[in-house]
Amino acid sequence: MVLTLLICVIVTALLFEYINGFHDSANAIATVVSTKVLPARAAIIYAGVLNCVGAFMGTHVASTIGTGIVDSVTVTQGVILCALLSAIIWNLITWYYGIPSSSSHALIGGLMGASISKAGYQVVHFDGITKKVLLPMVTSPILGLVIGFVFMILILWACSKARPNTVNNWFKRLQLVSSGIMAFSHGSNDAQKTMGIITLALVSYHTLPTFEVPYWVILGCALTMGLGTMAGGWRIIRTMGSKMIKLKPVHGFAAETSAAVVILTASHFGIPVSTTHIISTAIMGVGSAKGANAVKLGIVGNIVMAWILTVPICMVIAAILYHILPF
């Protein structure tokens, strides 16, 4: 029974990773598709491959998810399964309505809710959550917004005397690079979260004596995320690529480069940030450089509301699942 539950957890974790790639594919390709630099199918294959490559770039974020959120000693297969199911449910709901939301925060909220339901609030590492979840949850989108705005202003100043067609042609080429870096950075942060969950399940099953991510887990998560990204989440791609702001290649380049800088820095320090939040606010920052009216505030309001609700809703869903499922 316990082995069967472990297998269910691993399969569900890989399903979550696939949906994560599908749900968050917009993070890497929404701008490059909306600016018509690449056809949609070519863009998602390009992003999927680089997502997969990025997933091999370390396990610092995986360690934070596996050991820094809740007490790993009290975590069972049932807790992990409920956390994954709650994140999957929320991802599918937000995908259906075309709202960019954080798969990372959905997973963290689910892990907290199921753990509290099993063993109480004392199992939560509130200090670690404050430093590596809550503070980055606030600061990383702000950094995306500010860096996107400043970078766009600098680009406009540097290109002020160039012909519009010349600028457009330059940034079409540059956006191929920036979208690739964005896809790589997405894989470097998001794929590691599922690696951390699967490794936590293996430690709970006593297959691993210490928390060290096996190579087969890295490979499985990398490939699954890459395949999910290649499937493409078109509803969210449309929201991020055209509904928030009308983008040109120069805007796509500025947004992707700004977001990638923040995400890669977070991955280096093992901080599980929301790539969705960061690229969304980078697009807002770039749009704001065009003028306050360039950003559609109604769409932005829906996105921000989803960000606020993700953790508490996933905590509640996971807690309910833990009580109703037969563990």
C-alpha atoms as a PDB file:
ATOM      1  CA  MET A   1       0.000   0.000   0.000  1.00  0.00           C
ATOM      2  CA  VAL A   2       2.802   2.424   0.940  1.00  0.00           C
ATOM      3  CA  LEU A   3       4.740   1.627  -2.232  1.00  0.00           C
ATOM      4  CA  THR A   4       1.585   2.121  -4.304  1.00  0.00           C
ATOM      5  CA  LEU A   5       1.083   5.512  -2.674  1.00  0.00           C
ATOM      6  CA  LEU A   6       4.690   6.495  -3.453  1.00  0.00           C
ATOM      7  CA  ILE A   7       4.169   5.559  -7.113  1.00  0.00           C
ATOM      8  CA  CYS A   8       0.949   7.630  -7.149  1.00  0.00           C
ATOM      9  CA  VAL A   9       2.857  10.594  -5.693  1.00  0.00           C
ATOM     10  CA  ILE A  10       5.621  10.368  -8.323  1.00  0.00           C
ATOM     11  CA  VAL A  11       3.131  10.037 -11.196  1.00  0.00           C
ATOM     12  CA  THR A  12       1.050  12.947  -9.843  1.00  0.00           C
ATOM     13  CA  ALA A  13       4.192  15.052  -9.389  1.00  0.00           C
ATOM     14  CA  LEU A  14       5.166  14.483 -13.018  1.00  0.00           C
ATOM     15  CA  LEU A  15       1.583  15.313 -14.063  1.00  0.00           C
ATOM     16  CA  PHE A  16       1.890  18.549 -12.080  1.00  0.00           C
ATOM     17  CA  GLU A  17       5.196  19.265 -13.836  1.00  0.00           C
ATOM     18  CA  TYR A  18       3.593  18.707 -17.230  1.00  0.00           C
ATOM     19  CA  ILE A  19       0.683  21.011 -16.339  1.00  0.00           C
ATOM     20  CA  ASN A  20       3.186  23.508 -14.934  1.00  0.00           C
ATOM     21  CA  GLY A  21       4.975  23.571 -18.299  1.00  0.00           C
ATOM     22  CA  PHE A  22       1.629  23.791 -20.116  1.00  0.00           C
ATOM     23  CA  HIS A  23       0.258  26.458 -17.752  1.00  0.00           C
ATOM     24  CA  ASP A  24       3.445  28.539 -17.657  1.00  0.00           C
ATOM     25  CA  SER A  25       4.518  28.184 -21.293  1.00  0.00           C
ATOM     26  CA  ALA A  26       3.229  31.736 -21.724  1.00  0.00           C
ATOM     27  CA  ASN A  27       6.051  32.940 -19.455  1.00  0.00           C
ATOM     28  CA  ALA A  28       8.607  32.083 -22.099  1.00  0.00           C
ATOM     29  CA  ILE A  29       6.781  32.531 -25.398  1.00  0.00           C
ATOM     30  CA  ALA A  30       3.838  34.931 -25.010  1.00  0.00           C
ATOM     31  CA  THR A  31       5.848  37.965 -26.078  1.00  0.00           C
ATOM     32  CA  VAL A  32       7.730  36.304 -28.936  1.00  0.00           C
ATOM     33  CA  VAL A  33       4.440  34.947 -30.342  1.00  0.00           C
ATOM     34  CA  SER A  34       2.486  38.184 -29.956  1.00  0.00           C
ATOM     35  CA  THR A  35       5.233  40.192 -31.681  1.00  0.00           C
ATOM     36  CA  LYS A  36       5.263  37.623 -34.535  1.00  0.00           C
ATOM     37  CA  VAL A  37       9.001  37.078 -34.209  1.00  0.00           C
ATOM     38  CA  LEU A  38       8.370  33.311 -34.229  1.00  0.00           C
ATOM     39  CA  PRO A  39       5.370  31.239 -35.304  1.00  0.00           C
ATOM     40  CA  ALA A  40       3.535  29.761 -32.330  1.00  0.00           C
ATOM     41  CA  ARG A  41       4.529  26.140 -32.976  1.00  0.00           C
ATOM     42  CA  ALA A  42       8.215  26.981 -33.476  1.00  0.00           C
ATOM     43  CA  ALA A  43       8.165  29.147 -30.335  1.00  0.00           C
ATOM     44  CA  ILE A  44       6.807  26.435 -28.048  1.00  0.00           C
ATOM     45  CA  ILE A  45       9.308  23.855 -29.338  1.00  0.00           C
ATOM     46  CA  TYR A  46      12.135  26.369 -28.847  1.00  0.00           C
ATOM     47  CA  ALA A  47      10.929  27.163 -25.328  1.00  0.00           C
ATOM     48  CA  GLY A  48      10.347  23.505 -24.456  1.00  0.00           C
ATOM     49  CA  VAL A  49      13.911  22.523 -25.340  1.00  0.00           C
ATOM     50  CA  LEU A  50      15.431  25.408 -23.350  1.00  0.00           C
ATOM     51  CA  ASN A  51      13.084  24.754 -20.410  1.00  0.00           C
ATOM     52  CA  CYS A  52      14.434  21.218 -20.344  1.00  0.00           C
ATOM     53  CA  VAL A  53      18.061  22.418 -20.472  1.00  0.00           C
ATOM     54  CA  GLY A  54      17.450  24.977 -17.711  1.00  0.00           C
ATOM     55  CA  ALA A  55      16.128  22.269 -15.397  1.00  0.00           C
ATOM     56  CA  PHE A  56      19.617  20.740 -15.184  1.00  0.00           C
ATOM     57  CA  MET A  57      21.158  23.912 -13.757  1.00  0.00           C
ATOM     58  CA  GLY A  58      21.297  23.008 -10.066  1.00  0.00           C
ATOM     59  CA  THR A  59      19.023  21.860  -7.237  1.00  0.00           C
ATOM     60  CA  HIS A  60      19.096  24.790  -4.786  1.00  0.00           C
ATOM     61  CA  VAL A  61      15.416  25.587  -5.288  1.00  0.00           C
ATOM     62  CA  ALA A  62      14.529  21.891  -4.946  1.00  0.00           C
ATOM     63  CA  SER A  63      16.226  21.847  -1.532  1.00  0.00           C
ATOM     64  CA  THR A  64      14.220  24.875  -0.409  1.00  0.00           C
ATOM     65  CA  ILE A  65      10.936  23.214  -1.409  1.00  0.00           C
ATOM     66  CA  GLY A  66      11.894  19.872   0.122  1.00  0.00           C
ATOM     67  CA  THR A  67      13.358  21.050   3.419  1.00  0.00           C
ATOM     68  CA  GLY A  68      12.595  24.751   3.916  1.00  0.00           C
ATOM     69  CA  ILE A  69       8.783  24.919   3.902  1.00  0.00           C
ATOM     70  CA  VAL A  70       7.578  22.280   6.386  1.00  0.00           C
ATOM     71  CA  ASP A  71       9.189  19.764   8.726  1.00  0.00           C
ATOM     72  CA  SER A  72      10.153  16.892   6.424  1.00  0.00           C
ATOM     73  CA  VAL A  73       9.975  14.378   9.287  1.00  0.00           C
ATOM     74  CA  THR A  74       6.203  14.834   9.594  1.00  0.00           C
ATOM     75  CA  VAL A  75       5.522  14.791   5.837  1.00  0.00           C
ATOM     76  CA  THR A  76       3.851  11.634   4.528  1.00  0.00           C
ATOM     77  CA  GLN A  77       3.000  10.446   1.026  1.00  0.00           C
ATOM     78  CA  GLY A  78      -0.608  11.478   1.686  1.00  0.00           C
ATOM     79  CA  VAL A  79       0.435  15.032   2.538  1.00  0.00           C
ATOM     80  CA  ILE A  80       2.519  15.327  -0.628  1.00  0.00           C
ATOM     81  CA  LEU A  81      -0.243  13.863  -2.810  1.00  0.00           C
ATOM     82  CA  CYS A  82      -2.803  16.340  -1.445  1.00  0.00           C
ATOM     83  CA  ALA A  83      -0.391  19.240  -2.005  1.00  0.00           C
ATOM     84  CA  LEU A  84       0.112  18.195  -5.625  1.00  0.00           C
ATOM     85  CA  LEU A  85      -3.600  17.661  -6.289  1.00  0.00           C
ATOM     86  CA  SER A  86      -4.513  21.080  -4.869  1.00  0.00           C
ATOM     87  CA  ALA A  87      -1.888  22.773  -7.079  1.00  0.00           C
ATOM     88  CA  ILE A  88      -3.118  20.882 -10.156  1.00  0.00           C
ATOM     89  CA  ILE A  89      -6.747  21.865  -9.455  1.00  0.00           C
ATOM     90  CA  TRP A  90      -5.831  25.546  -9.072  1.00  0.00           C
ATOM     91  CA  ASN A  91      -3.634  25.533 -12.183  1.00  0.00           C
ATOM     92  CA  LEU A  92      -6.452  24.072 -14.268  1.00  0.00           C
ATOM     93  CA  ILE A  93      -8.964  26.609 -12.923  1.00  0.00           C
ATOM     94  CA  THR A  94      -6.713  29.588 -13.692  1.00  0.00           C
ATOM     95  CA  TRP A  95      -5.767  28.129 -17.093  1.00  0.00           C
ATOM     96  CA  TYR A  96      -9.456  27.747 -17.984  1.00  0.00           C
ATOM     97  CA  TYR A  97     -10.063  31.442 -17.297  1.00  0.00           C
ATOM     98  CA  GLY A  98      -6.791  32.474 -18.968  1.00  0.00           C
ATOM     99  CA  ILE A  99      -5.372  34.015 -15.791  1.00  0.00           C
ATOM    100  CA  PRO A 100      -1.594  33.845 -15.226  1.00  0.00           C
ATOM    101  CA  SER A 101      -1.001  32.483 -11.725  1.00  0.00           C
ATOM    102  CA  SER A 102       1.902  30.950  -9.868  1.00  0.00           C
ATOM    103  CA  SER A 103       2.340  27.167 -10.009  1.00  0.00           C
ATOM    104  CA  SER A 104       5.090  27.616  -7.409  1.00  0.00           C
ATOM    105  CA  HIS A 105       2.864  29.333  -4.876  1.00  0.00           C
ATOM    106  CA  ALA A 106       0.078  26.836  -5.582  1.00  0.00           C
ATOM    107  CA  LEU A 107       2.433  23.979  -4.687  1.00  0.00           C
ATOM    108  CA  ILE A 108       3.795  25.746  -1.601  1.00  0.00           C
ATOM    109  CA  GLY A 109       0.267  26.585  -0.404  1.00  0.00           C
ATOM    110  CA  GLY A 110      -0.835  22.994  -0.943  1.00  0.00           C
ATOM    111  CA  LEU A 111       2.153  21.629   0.983  1.00  0.00           C
ATOM    112  CA  MET A 112       1.464  23.980   3.889  1.00  0.00           C
ATOM    113  CA  GLY A 113      -2.284  23.232   3.969  1.00  0.00           C
ATOM    114  CA  ALA A 114      -1.922  19.448   3.906  1.00  0.00           C
ATOM    115  CA  SER A 115       0.912  19.489   6.488  1.00  0.00           C
ATOM    116  CA  ILE A 116      -1.062  21.698   8.873  1.00  0.00           C
ATOM    117  CA  SER A 117      -4.107  19.473   8.417  1.00  0.00           C
ATOM    118  CA  LYS A 118      -2.020  16.447   9.439  1.00  0.00           C
ATOM    119  CA  ALA A 119       0.159  17.770  12.239  1.00  0.00           C
ATOM    120  CA  GLY A 120      -0.741  21.377  13.110  1.00  0.00           C
ATOM    121  CA  TYR A 121       0.895  24.754  12.558  1.00  0.00           C
ATOM    122  CA  GLN A 122       4.107  23.791  14.395  1.00  0.00           C
ATOM    123  CA  VAL A 123       5.345  21.792  11.369  1.00  0.00           C
ATOM    124  CA  VAL A 124       5.544  24.911   9.195  1.00  0.00           C
ATOM    125  CA  HIS A 125       8.937  26.632   8.960  1.00  0.00           C
ATOM    126  CA  PHE A 126       7.568  30.160   9.200  1.00  0.00           C
ATOM    127  CA  ASP A 127      11.032  31.728   9.230  1.00  0.00           C
ATOM    128  CA  GLY A 128      11.969  29.993   5.984  1.00  0.00           C
ATOM    129  CA  ILE A 129       8.607  30.823   4.402  1.00  0.00           C
ATOM    130  CA  THR A 130       8.982  34.489   5.333  1.00  0.00           C
ATOM    131  CA  LYS A 131      12.503  34.765   3.904  1.00  0.00           C
ATOM    132  CA  LYS A 132      12.229  32.531   0.839  1.00  0.00           C
ATOM    133  CA  VAL A 133       8.527  32.701  -0.074  1.00  0.00           C
ATOM    134  CA  LEU A 134       6.681  35.752   1.277  1.00  0.00           C
ATOM    135  CA  LEU A 135       9.417  38.361   0.805  1.00  0.00           C
ATOM    136  CA  PRO A 136      10.272  37.161  -2.729  1.00  0.00           C
ATOM    137  CA  MET A 137       6.532  36.980  -3.466  1.00  0.00           C
ATOM    138  CA  VAL A 138       6.381  40.733  -2.883  1.00  0.00           C
ATOM    139  CA  THR A 139       9.816  41.893  -3.981  1.00  0.00           C
ATOM    140  CA  SER A 140      10.373  39.844  -7.156  1.00  0.00           C
ATOM    141  CA  PRO A 141       7.320  41.219  -9.033  1.00  0.00           C
ATOM    142  CA  ILE A 142       8.297  44.734  -7.946  1.00  0.00           C
ATOM    143  CA  LEU A 143      11.817  44.136  -9.277  1.00  0.00           C
ATOM    144  CA  GLY A 144      10.346  42.834 -12.527  1.00  0.00           C
ATOM    145  CA  LEU A 145       8.204  45.961 -12.833  1.00  0.00           C
ATOM    146  CA  VAL A 146      10.990  48.426 -11.989  1.00  0.00           C
ATOM    147  CA  ILE A 147      13.718  46.757 -14.044  1.00  0.00           C
ATOM    148  CA  GLY A 148      11.350  46.399 -17.008  1.00  0.00           C
ATOM    149  CA  PHE A 149      10.407  50.080 -16.804  1.00  0.00           C
ATOM    150  CA  VAL A 150      13.993  51.345 -16.424  1.00  0.00           C
ATOM    151  CA  PHE A 151      15.363  49.025 -19.104  1.00  0.00           C
ATOM    152  CA  MET A 152      12.676  50.119 -21.553  1.00  0.00           C
ATOM    153  CA  ILE A 153      13.410  53.801 -20.881  1.00  0.00           C
ATOM    154  CA  LEU A 154      17.129  53.191 -21.517  1.00  0.00           C
ATOM    155  CA  ILE A 155      16.377  51.375 -24.772  1.00  0.00           C
ATOM    156  CA  LEU A 156      14.084  54.194 -25.952  1.00  0.00           C
ATOM    157  CA  TRP A 157      16.780  56.748 -25.124  1.00  0.00           C
ATOM    158  CA  ALA A 158      19.526  54.738 -26.875  1.00  0.00           C
ATOM    159  CA  CYS A 159      17.386  54.222 -29.995  1.00  0.00           C
ATOM    160  CA  SER A 160      15.822  57.689 -30.117  1.00  0.00           C
ATOM    161  CA  LYS A 161      17.661  58.684 -33.303  1.00  0.00           C
ATOM    162  CA  ALA A 162      17.305  55.362 -35.123  1.00  0.00           C
ATOM    163  CA  ARG A 163      14.643  54.688 -37.710  1.00  0.00           C
ATOM    164  CA  PRO A 164      11.624  52.724 -36.389  1.00  0.00           C
ATOM    165  CA  ASN A 165      11.984  49.988 -39.018  1.00  0.00           C
ATOM    166  CA  THR A 166      15.673  49.572 -38.204  1.00  0.00           C
ATOM    167  CA  VAL A 167      14.918  49.321 -34.474  1.00  0.00           C
ATOM    168  CA  ASN A 168      12.177  46.786 -35.128  1.00  0.00           C
ATOM    169  CA  ASN A 169      14.504  44.598 -37.205  1.00  0.00           C
ATOM    170  CA  TRP A 170      17.247  44.721 -34.557  1.00  0.00           C
ATOM    171  CA  PHE A 171      14.954  43.686 -31.768  1.00  0.00           C
ATOM    172  CA  LYS A 172      13.326  40.922 -33.767  1.00  0.00           C
ATOM    173  CA  ARG A 173      16.733  39.231 -33.789  1.00  0.00           C
ATOM    174  CA  LEU A 174      17.489  40.136 -30.176  1.00  0.00           C
ATOM    175  CA  GLN A 175      14.137  38.829 -29.025  1.00  0.00           C
ATOM    176  CA  LEU A 176      15.041  35.359 -30.248  1.00  0.00           C
ATOM    177  CA  VAL A 177      17.889  35.466 -27.709  1.00  0.00           C
ATOM    178  CA  SER A 178      15.869  37.022 -24.875  1.00  0.00           C
ATOM    179  CA  SER A 179      12.959  34.571 -25.234  1.00  0.00           C
ATOM    180  CA  GLY A 180      15.444  31.694 -25.145  1.00  0.00           C
ATOM    181  CA  ILE A 181      17.044  33.041 -21.969  1.00  0.00           C
ATOM    182  CA  MET A 182      13.589  33.473 -20.448  1.00  0.00           C
ATOM    183  CA  ALA A 183      12.686  29.849 -21.242  1.00  0.00           C
ATOM    184  CA  PHE A 184      16.009  28.686 -19.802  1.00  0.00           C
ATOM    185  CA  SER A 185      15.474  30.683 -16.589  1.00  0.00           C
ATOM    186  CA  HIS A 186      11.918  29.328 -16.241  1.00  0.00           C
ATOM    187  CA  GLY A 187      13.245  25.769 -16.364  1.00  0.00           C
ATOM    188  CA  SER A 188      16.032  26.600 -13.904  1.00  0.00           C
ATOM    189  CA  ASN A 189      13.525  27.645 -11.234  1.00  0.00           C
ATOM    190  CA  ASP A 190      10.169  25.965 -11.852  1.00  0.00           C
ATOM    191  CA  ALA A 191      11.319  22.440 -12.725  1.00  0.00           C
ATOM    192  CA  GLN A 192      13.229  22.247  -9.448  1.00  0.00           C
ATOM    193  CA  LYS A 193      10.066  22.590  -7.378  1.00  0.00           C
ATOM    194  CA  THR A 194       8.762  19.224  -8.522  1.00  0.00           C
ATOM    195  CA  MET A 195      12.235  17.742  -8.081  1.00  0.00           C
ATOM    196  CA  GLY A 196      12.045  18.845  -4.451  1.00  0.00           C
ATOM    197  CA  ILE A 197       8.593  17.286  -3.979  1.00  0.00           C
ATOM    198  CA  ILE A 198       9.574  13.905  -5.480  1.00  0.00           C
ATOM    199  CA  THR A 199      12.797  13.810  -3.457  1.00  0.00           C
ATOM    200  CA  LEU A 200      10.806  14.656  -0.312  1.00  0.00           C
ATOM    201  CA  ALA A 201       8.520  11.705  -1.091  1.00  0.00           C
ATOM    202  CA  LEU A 202      11.550   9.406  -1.502  1.00  0.00           C
ATOM    203  CA  VAL A 203      12.989  10.577   1.830  1.00  0.00           C
ATOM    204  CA  SER A 204       9.595  10.014   3.477  1.00  0.00           C
ATOM    205  CA  TYR A 205       9.561   6.465   2.070  1.00  0.00           C
ATOM    206  CA  HIS A 206      13.136   5.973   3.424  1.00  0.00           C
ATOM    207  CA  THR A 207      14.481   5.261  -0.052  1.00  0.00           C
ATOM    208  CA  LEU A 208      16.956   8.120   0.430  1.00  0.00           C
ATOM    209  CA  PRO A 209      18.875   8.607   3.718  1.00  0.00           C
ATOM    210  CA  THR A 210      19.332  12.353   3.109  1.00  0.00           C
ATOM    211  CA  PHE A 211      17.738  15.003   0.911  1.00  0.00           C
ATOM    212  CA  GLU A 212      19.735  14.728  -2.291  1.00  0.00           C
ATOM    213  CA  VAL A 213      17.978  14.925  -5.646  1.00  0.00           C
ATOM    214  CA  PRO A 214      18.652  11.772  -7.731  1.00  0.00           C
ATOM    215  CA  TYR A 215      19.658  12.226 -11.353  1.00  0.00           C
ATOM    216  CA  TRP A 216      16.621  10.301 -12.646  1.00  0.00           C
ATOM    217  CA  VAL A 217      14.354  12.781 -10.833  1.00  0.00           C
ATOM    218  CA  ILE A 218      16.133  15.730 -12.489  1.00  0.00           C
ATOM    219  CA  LEU A 219      15.867  14.058 -15.900  1.00  0.00           C
ATOM    220  CA  GLY A 220      12.206  13.111 -15.449  1.00  0.00           C
ATOM    221  CA  CYS A 221      11.169  16.596 -14.338  1.00  0.00           C
ATOM    222  CA  ALA A 222      13.203  18.293 -17.082  1.00  0.00           C
ATOM    223  CA  LEU A 223      11.675  16.188 -19.856  1.00  0.00           C
ATOM    224  CA  THR A 224       8.139  16.439 -18.460  1.00  0.00           C
ATOM    225  CA  MET A 225       8.289  20.214 -18.145  1.00  0.00           C
ATOM    226  CA  GLY A 226       9.709  20.504 -21.647  1.00  0.00           C
ATOM    227  CA  LEU A 227       6.877  18.389 -23.076  1.00  0.00           C
ATOM    228  CA  GLY A 228       4.288  20.395 -21.149  1.00  0.00           C
ATOM    229  CA  THR A 229       5.685  23.646 -22.490  1.00  0.00           C
ATOM    230  CA  MET A 230       5.526  22.264 -26.029  1.00  0.00           C
ATOM    231  CA  ALA A 231       1.814  21.591 -25.529  1.00  0.00           C
ATOM    232  CA  GLY A 232       1.278  25.328 -25.026  1.00  0.00           C
ATOM    233  CA  GLY A 233      -1.300  27.050 -22.810  1.00  0.00           C
ATOM    234  CA  TRP A 234      -2.919  29.280 -25.413  1.00  0.00           C
ATOM    235  CA  ARG A 235      -5.475  30.970 -23.163  1.00  0.00           C
ATOM    236  CA  ILE A 236      -2.769  32.408 -20.908  1.00  0.00           C
ATOM    237  CA  ILE A 237      -0.489  33.168 -23.853  1.00  0.00           C
ATOM    238  CA  ARG A 238      -3.233  35.417 -25.276  1.00  0.00           C
ATOM    239  CA  THR A 239      -3.673  37.197 -21.922  1.00  0.00           C
ATOM    240  CA  MET A 240       0.019  37.922 -21.422  1.00  0.00           C
ATOM    241  CA  GLY A 241       0.890  38.488 -25.063  1.00  0.00           C
ATOM    242  CA  SER A 242      -1.857  40.869 -26.130  1.00  0.00           C
ATOM    243  CA  LYS A 243      -4.553  41.563 -23.535  1.00  0.00           C
ATOM    244  CA  MET A 244      -2.337  43.413 -21.026  1.00  0.00           C
ATOM    245  CA  ILE A 245      -0.497  45.566 -23.564  1.00  0.00           C
ATOM    246  CA  LYS A 246       0.140  45.682 -27.311  1.00  0.00           C
ATOM    247  CA  LEU A 247       3.728  44.488 -27.717  1.00  0.00           C
ATOM    248  CA  LYS A 248       6.422  45.084 -30.333  1.00  0.00           C
ATOM    249  CA  PRO A 249       9.761  43.206 -30.492  1.00  0.00           C
ATOM    250  CA  VAL A 250      11.551  45.919 -28.496  1.00  0.00           C
ATOM    251  CA  HIS A 251       8.995  45.553 -25.666  1.00  0.00           C
ATOM    252  CA  GLY A 252       9.235  41.768 -25.744  1.00  0.00           C
ATOM    253  CA  PHE A 253      13.029  41.926 -25.557  1.00  0.00           C
ATOM    254  CA  ALA A 254      12.957  44.362 -22.616  1.00  0.00           C
ATOM    255  CA  ALA A 255      10.364  42.340 -20.665  1.00  0.00           C
ATOM    256  CA  GLU A 256      12.008  38.946 -21.215  1.00  0.00           C
ATOM    257  CA  THR A 257      15.510  40.177 -20.408  1.00  0.00           C
ATOM    258  CA  SER A 258      14.360  41.967 -17.241  1.00  0.00           C
ATOM    259  CA  ALA A 259      12.405  38.941 -16.017  1.00  0.00           C
ATOM    260  CA  ALA A 260      15.220  36.492 -16.792  1.00  0.00           C
ATOM    261  CA  VAL A 261      17.708  38.540 -14.744  1.00  0.00           C
ATOM    262  CA  VAL A 262      15.450  38.346 -11.670  1.00  0.00           C
ATOM    263  CA  ILE A 263      14.619  34.633 -12.110  1.00  0.00           C
ATOM    264  CA  LEU A 264      18.199  33.456 -12.703  1.00  0.00           C
ATOM    265  CA  THR A 265      19.377  35.415  -9.647  1.00  0.00           C
ATOM    266  CA  ALA A 266      16.657  33.778  -7.539  1.00  0.00           C
ATOM    267  CA  SER A 267      17.570  30.298  -8.846  1.00  0.00           C
ATOM    268  CA  HIS A 268      21.216  30.890  -7.917  1.00  0.00           C
ATOM    269  CA  PHE A 269      20.247  31.617  -4.313  1.00  0.00           C
ATOM    270  CA  GLY A 270      17.706  28.768  -4.082  1.00  0.00           C
ATOM    271  CA  ILE A 271      14.669  31.059  -3.911  1.00  0.00           C
ATOM    272  CA  PRO A 272      11.450  29.576  -5.392  1.00  0.00           C
ATOM    273  CA  VAL A 273       9.970  32.619  -7.131  1.00  0.00           C
ATOM    274  CA  SER A 274       6.974  32.861  -9.409  1.00  0.00           C
ATOM    275  CA  THR A 275       8.172  33.182 -12.983  1.00  0.00           C
ATOM    276  CA  THR A 276       4.589  34.111 -13.889  1.00  0.00           C
ATOM    277  CA  HIS A 277       4.529  37.067 -11.496  1.00  0.00           C
ATOM    278  CA  ILE A 278       7.898  38.329 -12.658  1.00  0.00           C
ATOM    279  CA  ILE A 279       7.327  38.199 -16.423  1.00  0.00           C
ATOM    280  CA  SER A 280       3.827  39.666 -15.963  1.00  0.00           C
ATOM    281  CA  THR A 281       5.103  42.658 -13.995  1.00  0.00           C
ATOM    282  CA  ALA A 282       8.051  43.075 -16.365  1.00  0.00           C
ATOM    283  CA  ILE A 283       5.511  43.381 -19.206  1.00  0.00           C
ATOM    284  CA  MET A 284       3.589  45.923 -17.088  1.00  0.00           C
ATOM    285  CA  GLY A 285       6.793  47.889 -16.445  1.00  0.00           C
ATOM    286  CA  VAL A 286       7.692  47.926 -20.112  1.00  0.00           C
ATOM    287  CA  GLY A 287       4.144  48.995 -20.971  1.00  0.00           C
ATOM    288  CA  SER A 288       4.232  51.782 -18.392  1.00  0.00           C
ATOM    289  CA  ALA A 289       7.237  53.271 -20.187  1.00  0.00           C
ATOM    290  CA  LYS A 290       4.881  53.886 -23.136  1.00  0.00           C
ATOM    291  CA  GLY A 291       2.466  55.755 -20.864  1.00  0.00           C
ATOM    292  CA  ALA A 292       0.023  55.001 -18.044  1.00  0.00           C
ATOM    293  CA  ASN A 293      -2.812  54.224 -20.463  1.00  0.00           C
ATOM    294  CA  ALA A 294      -0.821  51.566 -22.332  1.00  0.00           C
ATOM    295  CA  VAL A 295      -1.499  48.927 -19.657  1.00  0.00           C
ATOM    296  CA  LYS A 296      -5.047  47.544 -19.404  1.00  0.00           C
ATOM    297  CA  LEU A 297      -5.720  47.850 -15.684  1.00  0.00           C
ATOM    298  CA  GLY A 298      -8.808  45.635 -15.695  1.00  0.00           C
ATOM    299  CA  ILE A 299      -6.792  42.623 -16.879  1.00  0.00           C
ATOM    300  CA  VAL A 300      -3.999  43.482 -14.457  1.00  0.00           C
ATOM    301  CA  GLY A 301      -6.506  43.594 -11.576  1.00  0.00           C
ATOM    302  CA  ASN A 302      -7.700  40.052 -12.341  1.00  0.00           C
ATOM    303  CA  ILE A 303      -4.120  38.805 -12.444  1.00  0.00           C
ATOM    304  CA  VAL A 304      -3.177  40.438  -9.126  1.00  0.00           C
ATOM    305  CA  MET A 305      -6.289  39.017  -7.463  1.00  0.00           C
ATOM    306  CA  ALA A 306      -5.293  35.511  -8.581  1.00  0.00           C
ATOM    307  CA  TRP A 307      -1.807  36.084  -7.138  1.00  0.00           C
ATOM    308  CA  ILE A 308      -3.238  37.074  -3.755  1.00  0.00           C
ATOM    309  CA  LEU A 309      -5.645  34.134  -3.612  1.00  0.00           C
ATOM    310  CA  THR A 310      -3.311  31.347  -4.807  1.00  0.00           C
ATOM    311  CA  VAL A 311      -1.612  30.376  -1.526  1.00  0.00           C
ATOM    312  CA  PRO A 312      -4.669  30.524   0.793  1.00  0.00           C
ATOM    313  CA  ILE A 313      -6.975  28.765  -1.688  1.00  0.00           C
ATOM    314  CA  CYS A 314      -4.476  25.970  -2.291  1.00  0.00           C
ATOM    315  CA  MET A 315      -3.971  25.604   1.465  1.00  0.00           C
ATOM    316  CA  VAL A 316      -7.721  25.131   1.910  1.00  0.00           C
ATOM    317  CA  ILE A 317      -8.056  22.699  -1.011  1.00  0.00           C
ATOM    318  CA  ALA A 318      -5.135  20.567   0.253  1.00  0.00           C
ATOM    319  CA  ALA A 319      -6.492  20.533   3.812  1.00  0.00           C
ATOM    320  CA  ILE A 320      -9.919  19.401   2.606  1.00  0.00           C
ATOM    321  CA  LEU A 321      -8.389  16.698   0.400  1.00  0.00           C
ATOM    322  CA  TYR A 322      -6.314  15.383   3.301  1.00  0.00           C
ATOM    323  CA  HIS A 323      -9.452  14.974   5.410  1.00  0.00           C
ATOM    324  CA  ILE A 324     -11.607  13.307   2.743  1.00  0.00           C
ATOM    325  CA  LEU A 325      -9.075  10.985   1.094  1.00  0.00           C
ATOM    326  CA  PRO A 326      -8.495   7.582   2.787  1.00  0.00           C
ATOM    327  CA  PHE A 327      -4.923   7.833   4.076  1.00  0.00           C
END
